Protein backbone atom coordinates (compact mmCIF):
# COMPACT_ATOMS: atom_id res chain seq x y z
CA MET A 1 -0.12 -0.16 0.02
CA THR A 2 1.37 3.39 -0.93
CA ALA A 3 1.64 6.30 1.55
CA PRO A 4 -0.80 9.14 0.80
CA ALA A 5 0.90 11.96 -1.29
CA PHE A 6 1.21 15.53 -0.10
CA ILE A 7 1.36 18.05 -2.75
CA SER A 8 2.89 21.37 -1.82
CA ILE A 9 3.37 24.43 -4.01
CA PHE A 10 5.58 27.39 -3.48
CA LYS A 11 6.20 30.53 -5.02
CA THR A 12 10.18 30.78 -5.78
CA SER A 13 12.79 33.16 -7.21
CA LEU A 14 14.45 30.52 -9.23
CA GLN A 15 15.13 32.00 -12.87
CA SER A 16 16.63 29.35 -15.02
CA GLU A 17 17.85 25.75 -15.53
CA ALA A 18 20.86 26.48 -13.92
CA ASP A 19 19.09 27.46 -10.61
CA LYS A 20 16.65 24.07 -11.09
CA LEU A 21 20.22 22.22 -11.36
CA SER A 22 21.52 23.98 -8.41
CA ILE A 23 18.63 22.87 -5.87
CA GLU A 24 18.23 19.45 -7.36
CA PRO A 25 20.56 17.58 -5.20
CA HIS A 26 19.40 19.14 -2.08
CA LEU A 27 15.83 18.62 -2.67
CA GLY A 28 16.54 14.97 -3.68
CA ARG A 29 18.16 14.51 -0.07
CA ILE A 30 14.90 15.59 1.92
CA GLU A 31 13.36 12.35 3.39
CA GLY A 32 10.04 11.76 1.78
CA VAL A 33 10.35 13.70 -1.54
CA ARG A 34 8.97 11.61 -4.44
CA ARG A 35 9.27 13.92 -7.17
CA TRP A 36 9.41 17.82 -7.82
CA SER A 37 9.01 20.27 -10.76
CA VAL A 38 9.53 24.02 -11.45
CA ASP A 39 7.52 26.13 -13.97
CA LEU A 40 9.96 28.93 -14.92
CA SER A 41 7.21 30.30 -17.31
CA ASP A 42 4.94 30.86 -14.61
CA ALA A 43 5.23 34.63 -12.98
CA ASP A 44 5.79 32.74 -9.46
CA LYS A 45 8.16 30.27 -10.67
CA VAL A 46 6.11 27.68 -8.96
CA LEU A 47 8.17 25.09 -7.37
CA ARG A 48 5.50 21.77 -7.10
CA VAL A 49 6.65 18.89 -4.52
CA VAL A 50 5.15 15.67 -4.33
CA SER A 51 6.17 13.95 -0.77
CA GLU A 52 5.18 11.12 1.61
CA LYS A 53 4.89 13.61 4.30
CA ASP A 54 4.90 17.32 4.88
CA VAL A 55 8.34 18.74 3.89
CA CYS A 56 7.23 22.34 3.61
CA HIS A 57 9.58 23.50 6.09
CA ASP A 58 12.54 21.58 4.77
CA ILE A 59 11.85 22.99 1.21
CA MET A 60 11.98 26.63 2.44
CA VAL A 61 15.19 25.88 4.53
CA VAL A 62 16.93 24.36 1.71
CA SER A 63 15.93 26.82 -0.69
CA ARG A 64 16.52 29.77 1.40
CA ALA A 65 20.15 28.46 2.53
CA LEU A 66 20.88 28.30 -1.09
CA GLY A 67 19.85 31.87 -1.77
CA TYR A 68 16.39 31.48 -3.27
CA PHE A 69 13.38 33.20 -2.03
CA CYS A 70 10.61 30.29 -1.55
CA ASP A 71 7.34 30.60 0.23
CA ILE A 72 4.21 28.31 0.35
CA LEU A 73 1.48 29.00 -2.01
CA ARG A 74 -0.47 26.08 -1.01
CA ASP A 75 -0.11 22.84 1.17
């Protein structure tokens, strides 16, 4: 049986593919993260994370530590 999925959506300051590549290894280390994506064409540069548990705090801490703005739009 698969654990329920949490879908969290964040507004970020990510601007480029290089930015996405810079956060990729860090997001991959957060326990419970199944997959994530960034929509660079959206005005809010939306980061969408699917996880096994609530990882909002961890996502924001990692993003901010890397110098990016990151705030919850929806969880």
